[in-house]
């Protein structure tokens, strides 16, 4: 779920008391239903604003749709990541004593790039 101001976005819940003849407005991007046109317009403006952050990658200044697409791509790349390398890399990340994520990532990458691990497929 894309982040808004570093918090998970909470979709509005549809009113339980909708009747068949009520006029509603559907936001396709978030799949929300609004009875009030003003709320609908505010949501459309919000989802098209570049204020969203991808929860998986931390990329910011995205629209809601771009953040969703970024999360989808990140999930796909995680699925493609070799299972044999997950445990060694997580172990290295846990043992690396760095103050920032970027420094820790760089240390792990520099260690891993020239080494082979048990069970790793080598071409």
PDB file of N, CA and C in Angstrom:
ATOM      1  N   UNK A   1       0.849  -1.171   0.000  1.00  0.00           N
ATOM      2  CA  UNK A   1       0.000   0.000   0.000  1.00  0.00           C
ATOM      3  C   UNK A   1       0.899   1.240   0.000  1.00  0.00           C
ATOM      4  N   UNK A   2       0.716   2.131  -0.953  1.00  0.00           N
ATOM      5  CA  UNK A   2       1.527   3.351  -0.997  1.00  0.00           C
ATOM      6  C   UNK A   2       1.418   4.156   0.302  1.00  0.00           C
ATOM      7  N   UNK A   3       2.497   4.862   0.609  1.00  0.00           N
ATOM      8  CA  UNK A   3       2.543   5.657   1.832  1.00  0.00           C
ATOM      9  C   UNK A   3       2.223   7.115   1.531  1.00  0.00           C
ATOM     10  N   UNK A   4       1.490   7.725   2.445  1.00  0.00           N
ATOM     11  CA  UNK A   4       1.186   9.144   2.384  1.00  0.00           C
ATOM     12  C   UNK A   4       1.677   9.742   3.690  1.00  0.00           C
ATOM     13  N   UNK A   5       2.649  10.637   3.607  1.00  0.00           N
ATOM     14  CA  UNK A   5       3.277  11.231   4.793  1.00  0.00           C
ATOM     15  C   UNK A   5       3.825  10.144   5.716  1.00  0.00           C
ATOM     16  N   UNK A   6       4.500   9.163   5.119  1.00  0.00           N
ATOM     17  CA  UNK A   6       5.174   8.055   5.812  1.00  0.00           C
ATOM     18  C   UNK A   6       4.227   7.109   6.549  1.00  0.00           C
ATOM     19  N   UNK A   7       2.951   7.188   6.258  1.00  0.00           N
ATOM     20  CA  UNK A   7       1.980   6.293   6.888  1.00  0.00           C
ATOM     21  C   UNK A   7       1.193   5.584   5.799  1.00  0.00           C
ATOM     22  N   UNK A   8       0.802   4.348   6.085  1.00  0.00           N
ATOM     23  CA  UNK A   8       0.024   3.583   5.111  1.00  0.00           C
ATOM     24  C   UNK A   8      -1.292   4.297   4.837  1.00  0.00           C
ATOM     25  N   UNK A   9      -1.645   4.378   3.589  1.00  0.00           N
ATOM     26  CA  UNK A   9      -2.858   5.064   3.169  1.00  0.00           C
ATOM     27  C   UNK A   9      -4.079   4.243   3.557  1.00  0.00           C
ATOM     28  N   UNK A  10      -5.019   4.885   4.210  1.00  0.00           N
ATOM     29  CA  UNK A  10      -6.259   4.230   4.598  1.00  0.00           C
ATOM     30  C   UNK A  10      -7.365   4.656   3.649  1.00  0.00           C
ATOM     31  N   UNK A  11      -7.897   3.707   2.914  1.00  0.00           N
ATOM     32  CA  UNK A  11      -8.992   4.012   2.003  1.00  0.00           C
ATOM     33  C   UNK A  11     -10.253   4.301   2.809  1.00  0.00           C
ATOM     34  N   UNK A  12     -11.085   5.174   2.267  1.00  0.00           N
ATOM     35  CA  UNK A  12     -12.346   5.455   2.949  1.00  0.00           C
ATOM     36  C   UNK A  12     -13.289   4.281   2.715  1.00  0.00           C
ATOM     37  N   UNK A  13     -14.079   3.989   3.717  1.00  0.00           N
ATOM     38  CA  UNK A  13     -15.017   2.878   3.606  1.00  0.00           C
ATOM     39  C   UNK A  13     -16.333   3.383   3.036  1.00  0.00           C
ATOM     40  N   UNK A  14     -16.937   2.573   2.217  1.00  0.00           N
ATOM     41  CA  UNK A  14     -18.224   2.944   1.625  1.00  0.00           C
ATOM     42  C   UNK A  14     -19.294   2.932   2.706  1.00  0.00           C
ATOM     43  N   UNK A  15     -20.217   3.826   2.567  1.00  0.00           N
ATOM     44  CA  UNK A  15     -21.307   3.897   3.531  1.00  0.00           C
ATOM     45  C   UNK A  15     -22.132   2.610   3.476  1.00  0.00           C
ATOM     46  N   UNK A  16     -22.512   2.135   4.637  1.00  0.00           N
ATOM     47  CA  UNK A  16     -23.296   0.903   4.706  1.00  0.00           C
ATOM     48  C   UNK A  16     -24.725   1.136   4.238  1.00  0.00           C
ATOM     49  N   UNK A  17     -25.135   2.373   4.225  1.00  0.00           N
ATOM     50  CA  UNK A  17     -26.529   2.694   3.961  1.00  0.00           C
ATOM     51  C   UNK A  17     -26.760   3.175   2.539  1.00  0.00           C
ATOM     52  N   UNK A  18     -26.065   2.612   1.587  1.00  0.00           N
ATOM     53  CA  UNK A  18     -26.278   2.974   0.192  1.00  0.00           C
ATOM     54  C   UNK A  18     -27.512   2.251  -0.339  1.00  0.00           C
ATOM     55  N   UNK A  19     -28.309   3.004  -1.050  1.00  0.00           N
ATOM     56  CA  UNK A  19     -29.482   2.414  -1.692  1.00  0.00           C
ATOM     57  C   UNK A  19     -29.197   2.300  -3.183  1.00  0.00           C
ATOM     58  N   UNK A  20     -30.000   1.542  -3.858  1.00  0.00           N
ATOM     59  CA  UNK A  20     -29.809   1.334  -5.293  1.00  0.00           C
ATOM     60  C   UNK A  20     -29.948   2.613  -6.097  1.00  0.00           C
ATOM     61  N   UNK A  21     -30.737   3.548  -5.626  1.00  0.00           N
ATOM     62  CA  UNK A  21     -30.968   4.780  -6.385  1.00  0.00           C
ATOM     63  C   UNK A  21     -30.080   5.942  -5.932  1.00  0.00           C
ATOM     64  N   UNK A  22     -29.135   5.702  -5.022  1.00  0.00           N
ATOM     65  CA  UNK A  22     -28.208   6.756  -4.584  1.00  0.00           C
ATOM     66  C   UNK A  22     -27.206   7.073  -5.690  1.00  0.00           C
ATOM     67  N   UNK A  23     -26.890   8.355  -5.821  1.00  0.00           N
ATOM     68  CA  UNK A  23     -25.856   8.763  -6.766  1.00  0.00           C
ATOM     69  C   UNK A  23     -24.506   8.651  -6.062  1.00  0.00           C
ATOM     70  N   UNK A  24     -23.586   7.907  -6.672  1.00  0.00           N
ATOM     71  CA  UNK A  24     -22.262   7.721  -6.085  1.00  0.00           C
ATOM     72  C   UNK A  24     -21.202   8.035  -7.129  1.00  0.00           C
ATOM     73  N   UNK A  25     -19.983   8.266  -6.631  1.00  0.00           N
ATOM     74  CA  UNK A  25     -18.842   8.572  -7.481  1.00  0.00           C
ATOM     75  C   UNK A  25     -17.760   7.539  -7.183  1.00  0.00           C
ATOM     76  N   UNK A  26     -17.242   6.929  -8.244  1.00  0.00           N
ATOM     77  CA  UNK A  26     -16.273   5.846  -8.086  1.00  0.00           C
ATOM     78  C   UNK A  26     -14.883   6.325  -8.486  1.00  0.00           C
ATOM     79  N   UNK A  27     -13.942   6.212  -7.572  1.00  0.00           N
ATOM     80  CA  UNK A  27     -12.540   6.513  -7.861  1.00  0.00           C
ATOM     81  C   UNK A  27     -11.898   5.198  -8.310  1.00  0.00           C
ATOM     82  N   UNK A  28     -11.603   5.099  -9.600  1.00  0.00           N
ATOM     83  CA  UNK A  28     -11.098   3.841 -10.156  1.00  0.00           C
ATOM     84  C   UNK A  28      -9.718   3.478  -9.635  1.00  0.00           C
ATOM     85  N   UNK A  29      -8.885   4.472  -9.409  1.00  0.00           N
ATOM     86  CA  UNK A  29      -7.504   4.201  -8.997  1.00  0.00           C
ATOM     87  C   UNK A  29      -7.456   3.506  -7.638  1.00  0.00           C
ATOM     88  N   UNK A  30      -8.263   3.997  -6.694  1.00  0.00           N
ATOM     89  CA  UNK A  30      -8.256   3.429  -5.347  1.00  0.00           C
ATOM     90  C   UNK A  30      -9.408   2.465  -5.109  1.00  0.00           C
ATOM     91  N   UNK A  31     -10.326   2.383  -6.066  1.00  0.00           N
ATOM     92  CA  UNK A  31     -11.519   1.541  -5.971  1.00  0.00           C
ATOM     93  C   UNK A  31     -12.375   1.931  -4.761  1.00  0.00           C
ATOM     94  N   UNK A  32     -12.559   3.225  -4.579  1.00  0.00           N
ATOM     95  CA  UNK A  32     -13.387   3.744  -3.496  1.00  0.00           C
ATOM     96  C   UNK A  32     -14.674   4.326  -4.068  1.00  0.00           C
ATOM     97  N   UNK A  33     -15.707   4.346  -3.237  1.00  0.00           N
ATOM     98  CA  UNK A  33     -16.988   4.924  -3.628  1.00  0.00           C
ATOM     99  C   UNK A  33     -17.295   6.082  -2.690  1.00  0.00           C
ATOM    100  N   UNK A  34     -17.714   7.199  -3.279  1.00  0.00           N
ATOM    101  CA  UNK A  34     -18.044   8.399  -2.513  1.00  0.00           C
ATOM    102  C   UNK A  34     -19.470   8.830  -2.816  1.00  0.00           C
ATOM    103  N   UNK A  35     -20.167   9.261  -1.777  1.00  0.00           N
ATOM    104  CA  UNK A  35     -21.497   9.833  -1.982  1.00  0.00           C
ATOM    105  C   UNK A  35     -21.398  11.331  -2.235  1.00  0.00           C
ATOM    106  N   UNK A  36     -20.365  11.948  -1.696  1.00  0.00           N
ATOM    107  CA  UNK A  36     -20.190  13.391  -1.817  1.00  0.00           C
ATOM    108  C   UNK A  36     -19.206  13.701  -2.945  1.00  0.00           C
ATOM    109  N   UNK A  37     -19.616  14.554  -3.867  1.00  0.00           N
ATOM    110  CA  UNK A  37     -18.782  14.897  -5.019  1.00  0.00           C
ATOM    111  C   UNK A  37     -17.516  15.631  -4.595  1.00  0.00           C
ATOM    112  N   UNK A  38     -17.601  16.475  -3.579  1.00  0.00           N
ATOM    113  CA  UNK A  38     -16.430  17.218  -3.097  1.00  0.00           C
ATOM    114  C   UNK A  38     -15.359  16.265  -2.565  1.00  0.00           C
ATOM    115  N   UNK A  39     -15.765  15.274  -1.794  1.00  0.00           N
ATOM    116  CA  UNK A  39     -14.808  14.281  -1.284  1.00  0.00           C
ATOM    117  C   UNK A  39     -14.177  13.506  -2.436  1.00  0.00           C
ATOM    118  N   UNK A  40     -14.991  13.172  -3.420  1.00  0.00           N
ATOM    119  CA  UNK A  40     -14.497  12.467  -4.604  1.00  0.00           C
ATOM    120  C   UNK A  40     -13.436  13.305  -5.315  1.00  0.00           C
ATOM    121  N   UNK A  41     -13.722  14.586  -5.526  1.00  0.00           N
ATOM    122  CA  UNK A  41     -12.764  15.469  -6.206  1.00  0.00           C
ATOM    123  C   UNK A  41     -11.478  15.609  -5.404  1.00  0.00           C
ATOM    124  N   UNK A  42     -11.600  15.739  -4.085  1.00  0.00           N
ATOM    125  CA  UNK A  42     -10.415  15.834  -3.232  1.00  0.00           C
ATOM    126  C   UNK A  42      -9.555  14.576  -3.361  1.00  0.00           C
ATOM    127  N   UNK A  43     -10.199  13.411  -3.414  1.00  0.00           N
ATOM    128  CA  UNK A  43      -9.453  12.159  -3.523  1.00  0.00           C
ATOM    129  C   UNK A  43      -8.769  12.057  -4.883  1.00  0.00           C
ATOM    130  N   UNK A  44      -9.455  12.466  -5.947  1.00  0.00           N
ATOM    131  CA  UNK A  44      -8.860  12.433  -7.286  1.00  0.00           C
ATOM    132  C   UNK A  44      -7.628  13.337  -7.329  1.00  0.00           C
ATOM    133  N   UNK A  45      -7.745  14.515  -6.745  1.00  0.00           N
ATOM    134  CA  UNK A  45      -6.606  15.437  -6.705  1.00  0.00           C
ATOM    135  C   UNK A  45      -5.466  14.829  -5.892  1.00  0.00           C
ATOM    136  N   UNK A  46      -5.799  14.212  -4.759  1.00  0.00           N
ATOM    137  CA  UNK A  46      -4.777  13.609  -3.902  1.00  0.00           C
ATOM    138  C   UNK A  46      -4.046  12.469  -4.611  1.00  0.00           C
ATOM    139  N   UNK A  47      -4.774  11.566  -5.257  1.00  0.00           N
ATOM    140  CA  UNK A  47      -4.108  10.417  -5.888  1.00  0.00           C
ATOM    141  C   UNK A  47      -3.285  10.826  -7.102  1.00  0.00           C
ATOM    142  N   UNK A  48      -3.601  11.963  -7.697  1.00  0.00           N
ATOM    143  CA  UNK A  48      -2.827  12.447  -8.842  1.00  0.00           C
ATOM    144  C   UNK A  48      -1.708  13.404  -8.440  1.00  0.00           C
ATOM    145  N   UNK A  49      -1.615  13.719  -7.158  1.00  0.00           N
ATOM    146  CA  UNK A  49      -0.540  14.577  -6.660  1.00  0.00           C
ATOM    147  C   UNK A  49       0.717  13.742  -6.444  1.00  0.00           C
ATOM    148  N   UNK A  50       1.854  14.391  -6.580  1.00  0.00           N
ATOM    149  CA  UNK A  50       3.133  13.690  -6.420  1.00  0.00           C
ATOM    150  C   UNK A  50       3.604  13.774  -4.964  1.00  0.00           C
ATOM    151  N   UNK A  51       2.809  13.165  -4.081  1.00  0.00           N
ATOM    152  CA  UNK A  51       3.102  13.184  -2.647  1.00  0.00           C
ATOM    153  C   UNK A  51       3.217  11.770  -2.071  1.00  0.00           C
ATOM    154  N   UNK A  52       3.193  10.767  -2.919  1.00  0.00           N
ATOM    155  CA  UNK A  52       3.164   9.382  -2.477  1.00  0.00           C
ATOM    156  C   UNK A  52       4.561   8.779  -2.450  1.00  0.00           C
ATOM    157  N   UNK A  53       4.728   7.758  -1.601  1.00  0.00           N
ATOM    158  CA  UNK A  53       5.991   7.039  -1.469  1.00  0.00           C
ATOM    159  C   UNK A  53       5.728   5.549  -1.633  1.00  0.00           C
ATOM    160  N   UNK A  54       6.607   4.888  -2.356  1.00  0.00           N
ATOM    161  CA  UNK A  54       6.520   3.436  -2.502  1.00  0.00           C
ATOM    162  C   UNK A  54       6.949   2.797  -1.182  1.00  0.00           C
ATOM    163  N   UNK A  55       6.098   1.957  -0.640  1.00  0.00           N
ATOM    164  CA  UNK A  55       6.378   1.316   0.645  1.00  0.00           C
ATOM    165  C   UNK A  55       7.562   0.354   0.560  1.00  0.00           C
ATOM    166  N   UNK A  56       7.735  -0.275  -0.583  1.00  0.00           N
ATOM    167  CA  UNK A  56       8.774  -1.297  -0.725  1.00  0.00           C
ATOM    168  C   UNK A  56      10.156  -0.703  -0.991  1.00  0.00           C
ATOM    169  N   UNK A  57      10.222   0.318  -1.848  1.00  0.00           N
ATOM    170  CA  UNK A  57      11.516   0.851  -2.271  1.00  0.00           C
ATOM    171  C   UNK A  57      11.885   2.165  -1.603  1.00  0.00           C
ATOM    172  N   UNK A  58      10.903   2.873  -1.067  1.00  0.00           N
ATOM    173  CA  UNK A  58      11.167   4.177  -0.469  1.00  0.00           C
ATOM    174  C   UNK A  58      11.220   5.311  -1.476  1.00  0.00           C
ATOM    175  N   UNK A  59      10.948   5.018  -2.759  1.00  0.00           N
ATOM    176  CA  UNK A  59      10.917   6.096  -3.756  1.00  0.00           C
ATOM    177  C   UNK A  59       9.798   7.059  -3.386  1.00  0.00           C
ATOM    178  N   UNK A  60      10.104   8.354  -3.480  1.00  0.00           N
ATOM    179  CA  UNK A  60       9.080   9.331  -3.124  1.00  0.00           C
ATOM    180  C   UNK A  60       8.768  10.239  -4.307  1.00  0.00           C
ATOM    181  N   UNK A  61       7.878  11.194  -4.077  1.00  0.00           N
ATOM    182  CA  UNK A  61       7.407  12.123  -5.115  1.00  0.00           C
ATOM    183  C   UNK A  61       6.764  11.381  -6.280  1.00  0.00           C
ATOM    184  N   UNK A  62       5.925  10.416  -5.959  1.00  0.00           N
ATOM    185  CA  UNK A  62       5.203   9.641  -6.963  1.00  0.00           C
ATOM    186  C   UNK A  62       3.712   9.926  -6.851  1.00  0.00           C
ATOM    187  N   UNK A  63       2.978   9.647  -7.920  1.00  0.00           N
ATOM    188  CA  UNK A  63       1.523   9.651  -7.818  1.00  0.00           C
ATOM    189  C   UNK A  63       1.114   8.314  -7.204  1.00  0.00           C
ATOM    190  N   UNK A  64      -0.139   8.197  -6.822  1.00  0.00           N
ATOM    191  CA  UNK A  64      -0.624   6.948  -6.232  1.00  0.00           C
ATOM    192  C   UNK A  64      -0.420   5.782  -7.203  1.00  0.00           C
ATOM    193  N   UNK A  65      -0.773   5.994  -8.470  1.00  0.00           N
ATOM    194  CA  UNK A  65      -0.635   4.933  -9.474  1.00  0.00           C
ATOM    195  C   UNK A  65       0.834   4.550  -9.674  1.00  0.00           C
ATOM    196  N   UNK A  66       1.726   5.531  -9.689  1.00  0.00           N
ATOM    197  CA  UNK A  66       3.154   5.242  -9.839  1.00  0.00           C
ATOM    198  C   UNK A  66       3.685   4.476  -8.634  1.00  0.00           C
ATOM    199  N   UNK A  67       3.218   4.831  -7.436  1.00  0.00           N
ATOM    200  CA  UNK A  67       3.644   4.126  -6.228  1.00  0.00           C
ATOM    201  C   UNK A  67       3.158   2.678  -6.249  1.00  0.00           C
ATOM    202  N   UNK A  68       1.923   2.461  -6.702  1.00  0.00           N
ATOM    203  CA  UNK A  68       1.415   1.089  -6.824  1.00  0.00           C
ATOM    204  C   UNK A  68       2.251   0.284  -7.816  1.00  0.00           C
ATOM    205  N   UNK A  69       2.580   0.898  -8.942  1.00  0.00           N
ATOM    206  CA  UNK A  69       3.382   0.222  -9.965  1.00  0.00           C
ATOM    207  C   UNK A  69       4.789  -0.087  -9.439  1.00  0.00           C
ATOM    208  N   UNK A  70       5.366   0.844  -8.685  1.00  0.00           N
ATOM    209  CA  UNK A  70       6.686   0.632  -8.100  1.00  0.00           C
ATOM    210  C   UNK A  70       6.657  -0.533  -7.113  1.00  0.00           C
ATOM    211  N   UNK A  71       5.602  -0.618  -6.302  1.00  0.00           N
ATOM    212  CA  UNK A  71       5.472  -1.719  -5.352  1.00  0.00           C
ATOM    213  C   UNK A  71       5.303  -3.050  -6.079  1.00  0.00           C
ATOM    214  N   UNK A  72       4.543  -3.042  -7.154  1.00  0.00           N
ATOM    215  CA  UNK A  72       4.341  -4.262  -7.940  1.00  0.00           C
ATOM    216  C   UNK A  72       5.672  -4.745  -8.522  1.00  0.00           C
ATOM    217  N   UNK A  73       6.457  -3.822  -9.066  1.00  0.00           N
ATOM    218  CA  UNK A  73       7.763  -4.178  -9.635  1.00  0.00           C
ATOM    219  C   UNK A  73       8.711  -4.681  -8.551  1.00  0.00           C
ATOM    220  N   UNK A  74       8.674  -4.065  -7.372  1.00  0.00           N
ATOM    221  CA  UNK A  74       9.544  -4.489  -6.272  1.00  0.00           C
ATOM    222  C   UNK A  74       9.174  -5.894  -5.802  1.00  0.00           C
ATOM    223  N   UNK A  75       7.883  -6.176  -5.710  1.00  0.00           N
ATOM    224  CA  UNK A  75       7.454  -7.520  -5.310  1.00  0.00           C
ATOM    225  C   UNK A  75       7.901  -8.564  -6.334  1.00  0.00           C
ATOM    226  N   UNK A  76       7.810  -8.212  -7.612  1.00  0.00           N
ATOM    227  CA  UNK A  76       8.237  -9.137  -8.668  1.00  0.00           C
ATOM    228  C   UNK A  76       9.737  -9.406  -8.569  1.00  0.00           C
ATOM    229  N   UNK A  77      10.522  -8.356  -8.334  1.00  0.00           N
ATOM    230  CA  UNK A  77      11.969  -8.558  -8.240  1.00  0.00           C
ATOM    231  C   UNK A  77      12.332  -9.373  -6.996  1.00  0.00           C
ATOM    232  N   UNK A  78      11.558  -9.243  -5.919  1.00  0.00           N
ATOM    233  CA  UNK A  78      11.805 -10.071  -4.734  1.00  0.00           C
ATOM    234  C   UNK A  78      11.513 -11.537  -5.020  1.00  0.00           C
ATOM    235  N   UNK A  79      10.463 -11.792  -5.792  1.00  0.00           N
ATOM    236  CA  UNK A  79      10.146 -13.179  -6.141  1.00  0.00           C
ATOM    237  C   UNK A  79      11.228 -13.779  -7.029  1.00  0.00           C
ATOM    238  N   UNK A  80      11.844 -12.944  -7.860  1.00  0.00           N
ATOM    239  CA  UNK A  80      12.899 -13.415  -8.760  1.00  0.00           C
ATOM    240  C   UNK A  80      14.240 -13.591  -8.055  1.00  0.00           C
ATOM    241  N   UNK A  81      14.375 -13.078  -6.841  1.00  0.00           N
ATOM    242  CA  UNK A  81      15.632 -13.151  -6.110  1.00  0.00           C
ATOM    243  C   UNK A  81      15.881 -14.598  -5.694  1.00  0.00           C
ATOM    244  N   UNK A  82      17.067 -15.131  -5.956  1.00  0.00           N
ATOM    245  CA  UNK A  82      17.347 -16.541  -5.655  1.00  0.00           C
ATOM    246  C   UNK A  82      17.184 -16.867  -4.166  1.00  0.00           C
ATOM    247  N   UNK A  83      16.473 -17.935  -3.901  1.00  0.00           N
ATOM    248  CA  UNK A  83      16.212 -18.360  -2.529  1.00  0.00           C
ATOM    249  C   UNK A  83      17.512 -18.706  -1.798  1.00  0.00           C
ATOM    250  N   UNK A  84      18.504 -19.214  -2.538  1.00  0.00           N
ATOM    251  CA  UNK A  84      19.770 -19.620  -1.925  1.00  0.00           C
ATOM    252  C   UNK A  84      20.546 -18.434  -1.361  1.00  0.00           C
ATOM    253  N   UNK A  85      20.288 -17.242  -1.881  1.00  0.00           N
ATOM    254  CA  UNK A  85      21.034 -16.064  -1.432  1.00  0.00           C
ATOM    255  C   UNK A  85      20.318 -15.269  -0.346  1.00  0.00           C
ATOM    256  N   UNK A  86      19.058 -15.541  -0.131  1.00  0.00           N
ATOM    257  CA  UNK A  86      18.294 -14.742   0.833  1.00  0.00           C
ATOM    258  C   UNK A  86      18.867 -14.832   2.247  1.00  0.00           C
ATOM    259  N   UNK A  87      19.109 -16.023   2.725  1.00  0.00           N
ATOM    260  CA  UNK A  87      19.596 -16.187   4.100  1.00  0.00           C
ATOM    261  C   UNK A  87      20.991 -15.598   4.277  1.00  0.00           C
ATOM    262  N   UNK A  88      21.963 -15.887   3.383  1.00  0.00           N
ATOM    263  CA  UNK A  88      23.291 -15.283   3.570  1.00  0.00           C
ATOM    264  C   UNK A  88      23.266 -13.752   3.536  1.00  0.00           C
ATOM    265  N   UNK A  89      22.488 -13.194   2.635  1.00  0.00           N
ATOM    266  CA  UNK A  89      22.459 -11.732   2.529  1.00  0.00           C
ATOM    267  C   UNK A  89      21.772 -11.108   3.739  1.00  0.00           C
ATOM    268  N   UNK A  90      20.696 -11.718   4.202  1.00  0.00           N
ATOM    269  CA  UNK A  90      20.046 -11.204   5.410  1.00  0.00           C
ATOM    270  C   UNK A  90      20.966 -11.321   6.623  1.00  0.00           C
ATOM    271  N   UNK A  91      21.732 -12.409   6.690  1.00  0.00           N
ATOM    272  CA  UNK A  91      22.689 -12.581   7.782  1.00  0.00           C
ATOM    273  C   UNK A  91      23.747 -11.477   7.743  1.00  0.00           C
ATOM    274  N   UNK A  92      24.288 -11.224   6.552  1.00  0.00           N
ATOM    275  CA  UNK A  92      25.290 -10.158   6.409  1.00  0.00           C
ATOM    276  C   UNK A  92      24.707  -8.797   6.779  1.00  0.00           C
ATOM    277  N   UNK A  93      23.497  -8.544   6.342  1.00  0.00           N
ATOM    278  CA  UNK A  93      22.856  -7.260   6.652  1.00  0.00           C
ATOM    279  C   UNK A  93      22.660  -7.103   8.154  1.00  0.00           C
ATOM    280  N   UNK A  94      22.316  -8.188   8.832  1.00  0.00           N
ATOM    281  CA  UNK A  94      22.104  -8.126  10.277  1.00  0.00           C
ATOM    282  C   UNK A  94      23.411  -7.889  11.032  1.00  0.00           C
ATOM    283  N   UNK A  95      24.518  -8.417  10.508  1.00  0.00           N
ATOM    284  CA  UNK A  95      25.807  -8.283  11.181  1.00  0.00           C
ATOM    285  C   UNK A  95      26.556  -7.001  10.824  1.00  0.00           C
ATOM    286  N   UNK A  96      26.098  -6.289   9.807  1.00  0.00           N
ATOM    287  CA  UNK A  96      26.760  -5.054   9.395  1.00  0.00           C
ATOM    288  C   UNK A  96      26.355  -3.931  10.338  1.00  0.00           C
ATOM    289  N   UNK A  97      27.321  -3.263  10.898  1.00  0.00           N
ATOM    290  CA  UNK A  97      27.058  -2.172  11.842  1.00  0.00           C
ATOM    291  C   UNK A  97      27.223  -0.837  11.123  1.00  0.00           C
ATOM    292  N   UNK A  98      26.162  -0.353  10.545  1.00  0.00           N
ATOM    293  CA  UNK A  98      26.176   0.938   9.852  1.00  0.00           C
ATOM    294  C   UNK A  98      24.984   1.756  10.309  1.00  0.00           C
ATOM    295  N   UNK A  99      25.134   3.065  10.219  1.00  0.00           N
ATOM    296  CA  UNK A  99      24.061   3.944  10.679  1.00  0.00           C
ATOM    297  C   UNK A  99      23.005   4.197   9.613  1.00  0.00           C
ATOM    298  N   UNK A 100      23.362   4.027   8.343  1.00  0.00           N
ATOM    299  CA  UNK A 100      22.369   4.282   7.298  1.00  0.00           C
ATOM    300  C   UNK A 100      22.158   3.033   6.448  1.00  0.00           C
ATOM    301  N   UNK A 101      20.978   2.953   5.898  1.00  0.00           N
ATOM    302  CA  UNK A 101      20.633   1.824   5.036  1.00  0.00           C
ATOM    303  C   UNK A 101      21.519   1.794   3.795  1.00  0.00           C
ATOM    304  N   UNK A 102      21.809   2.957   3.240  1.00  0.00           N
ATOM    305  CA  UNK A 102      22.637   3.030   2.031  1.00  0.00           C
ATOM    306  C   UNK A 102      24.036   2.465   2.287  1.00  0.00           C
ATOM    307  N   UNK A 103      24.644   2.814   3.423  1.00  0.00           N
ATOM    308  CA  UNK A 103      25.973   2.297   3.755  1.00  0.00           C
ATOM    309  C   UNK A 103      25.938   0.787   3.960  1.00  0.00           C
ATOM    310  N   UNK A 104      24.907   0.308   4.644  1.00  0.00           N
ATOM    311  CA  UNK A 104      24.772  -1.124   4.883  1.00  0.00           C
ATOM    312  C   UNK A 104      24.598  -1.866   3.559  1.00  0.00           C
ATOM    313  N   UNK A 105      23.769  -1.336   2.674  1.00  0.00           N
ATOM    314  CA  UNK A 105      23.555  -1.963   1.365  1.00  0.00           C
ATOM    315  C   UNK A 105      24.846  -2.027   0.571  1.00  0.00           C
ATOM    316  N   UNK A 106      25.605  -0.955   0.621  1.00  0.00           N
ATOM    317  CA  UNK A 106      26.877  -0.910  -0.105  1.00  0.00           C
ATOM    318  C   UNK A 106      27.862  -1.938   0.454  1.00  0.00           C
ATOM    319  N   UNK A 107      27.942  -2.051   1.777  1.00  0.00           N
ATOM    320  CA  UNK A 107      28.830  -3.044   2.393  1.00  0.00           C
ATOM    321  C   UNK A 107      28.448  -4.467   1.987  1.00  0.00           C
ATOM    322  N   UNK A 108      27.164  -4.774   2.057  1.00  0.00           N
ATOM    323  CA  UNK A 108      26.702  -6.118   1.701  1.00  0.00           C
ATOM    324  C   UNK A 108      26.985  -6.392   0.230  1.00  0.00           C
ATOM    325  N   UNK A 109      26.689  -5.431  -0.628  1.00  0.00           N
ATOM    326  CA  UNK A 109      26.937  -5.607  -2.066  1.00  0.00           C
ATOM    327  C   UNK A 109      28.415  -5.855  -2.343  1.00  0.00           C
ATOM    328  N   UNK A 110      29.283  -5.047  -1.745  1.00  0.00           N
ATOM    329  CA  UNK A 110      30.722  -5.204  -1.973  1.00  0.00           C
ATOM    330  C   UNK A 110      31.230  -6.563  -1.489  1.00  0.00           C
ATOM    331  N   UNK A 111      30.652  -7.087  -0.425  1.00  0.00           N
ATOM    332  CA  UNK A 111      31.060  -8.397   0.082  1.00  0.00           C
ATOM    333  C   UNK A 111      30.544  -9.521  -0.822  1.00  0.00           C
ATOM    334  N   UNK A 112      29.310  -9.398  -1.267  1.00  0.00           N
ATOM    335  CA  UNK A 112      28.642 -10.477  -1.994  1.00  0.00           C
ATOM    336  C   UNK A 112      29.071 -10.580  -3.451  1.00  0.00           C
ATOM    337  N   UNK A 113      29.426  -9.486  -4.071  1.00  0.00           N
ATOM    338  CA  UNK A 113      29.621  -9.489  -5.523  1.00  0.00           C
ATOM    339  C   UNK A 113      30.760 -10.383  -6.007  1.00  0.00           C
ATOM    340  N   UNK A 114      31.748 -10.685  -5.176  1.00  0.00           N
ATOM    341  CA  UNK A 114      32.875 -11.505  -5.614  1.00  0.00           C
ATOM    342  C   UNK A 114      32.965 -12.835  -4.872  1.00  0.00           C
ATOM    343  N   UNK A 115      31.856 -13.263  -4.278  1.00  0.00           N
ATOM    344  CA  UNK A 115      31.861 -14.514  -3.530  1.00  0.00           C
ATOM    345  C   UNK A 115      30.726 -15.419  -4.007  1.00  0.00           C
ATOM    346  N   UNK A 116      30.905 -16.712  -3.795  1.00  0.00           N
ATOM    347  CA  UNK A 116      29.870 -17.691  -4.099  1.00  0.00           C
ATOM    348  C   UNK A 116      29.358 -18.253  -2.789  1.00  0.00           C
ATOM    349  N   UNK A 117      28.110 -18.666  -2.779  1.00  0.00           N
ATOM    350  CA  UNK A 117      27.491 -19.194  -1.572  1.00  0.00           C
ATOM    351  C   UNK A 117      26.998 -20.612  -1.821  1.00  0.00           C
ATOM    352  N   UNK A 118      26.899 -21.383  -0.752  1.00  0.00           N
ATOM    353  CA  UNK A 118      26.440 -22.767  -0.842  1.00  0.00           C
ATOM    354  C   UNK A 118      25.032 -22.779  -1.434  1.00  0.00           C
ATOM    355  N   UNK A 119      24.843 -23.604  -2.461  1.00  0.00           N
ATOM    356  CA  UNK A 119      23.530 -23.730  -3.097  1.00  0.00           C
ATOM    357  C   UNK A 119      23.278 -22.737  -4.214  1.00  0.00           C
ATOM    358  N   UNK A 120      24.181 -21.783  -4.395  1.00  0.00           N
ATOM    359  CA  UNK A 120      23.998 -20.775  -5.434  1.00  0.00           C
ATOM    360  C   UNK A 120      24.248 -21.393  -6.809  1.00  0.00           C
ATOM    361  N   UNK A 121      23.396 -21.058  -7.762  1.00  0.00           N
ATOM    362  CA  UNK A 121      23.567 -21.541  -9.133  1.00  0.00           C
ATOM    363  C   UNK A 121      24.559 -20.646  -9.850  1.00  0.00           C
ATOM    364  N   UNK A 122      25.596 -21.264 -10.412  1.00  0.00           N
ATOM    365  CA  UNK A 122      26.636 -20.518 -11.112  1.00  0.00           C
ATOM    366  C   UNK A 122      26.552 -20.865 -12.591  1.00  0.00           C
ATOM    367  N   UNK A 123      26.534 -19.840 -13.432  1.00  0.00           N
ATOM    368  CA  UNK A 123      26.442 -20.076 -14.882  1.00  0.00           C
ATOM    369  C   UNK A 123      27.803 -20.034 -15.523  1.00  0.00           C
TER     370      UNK A 123
END
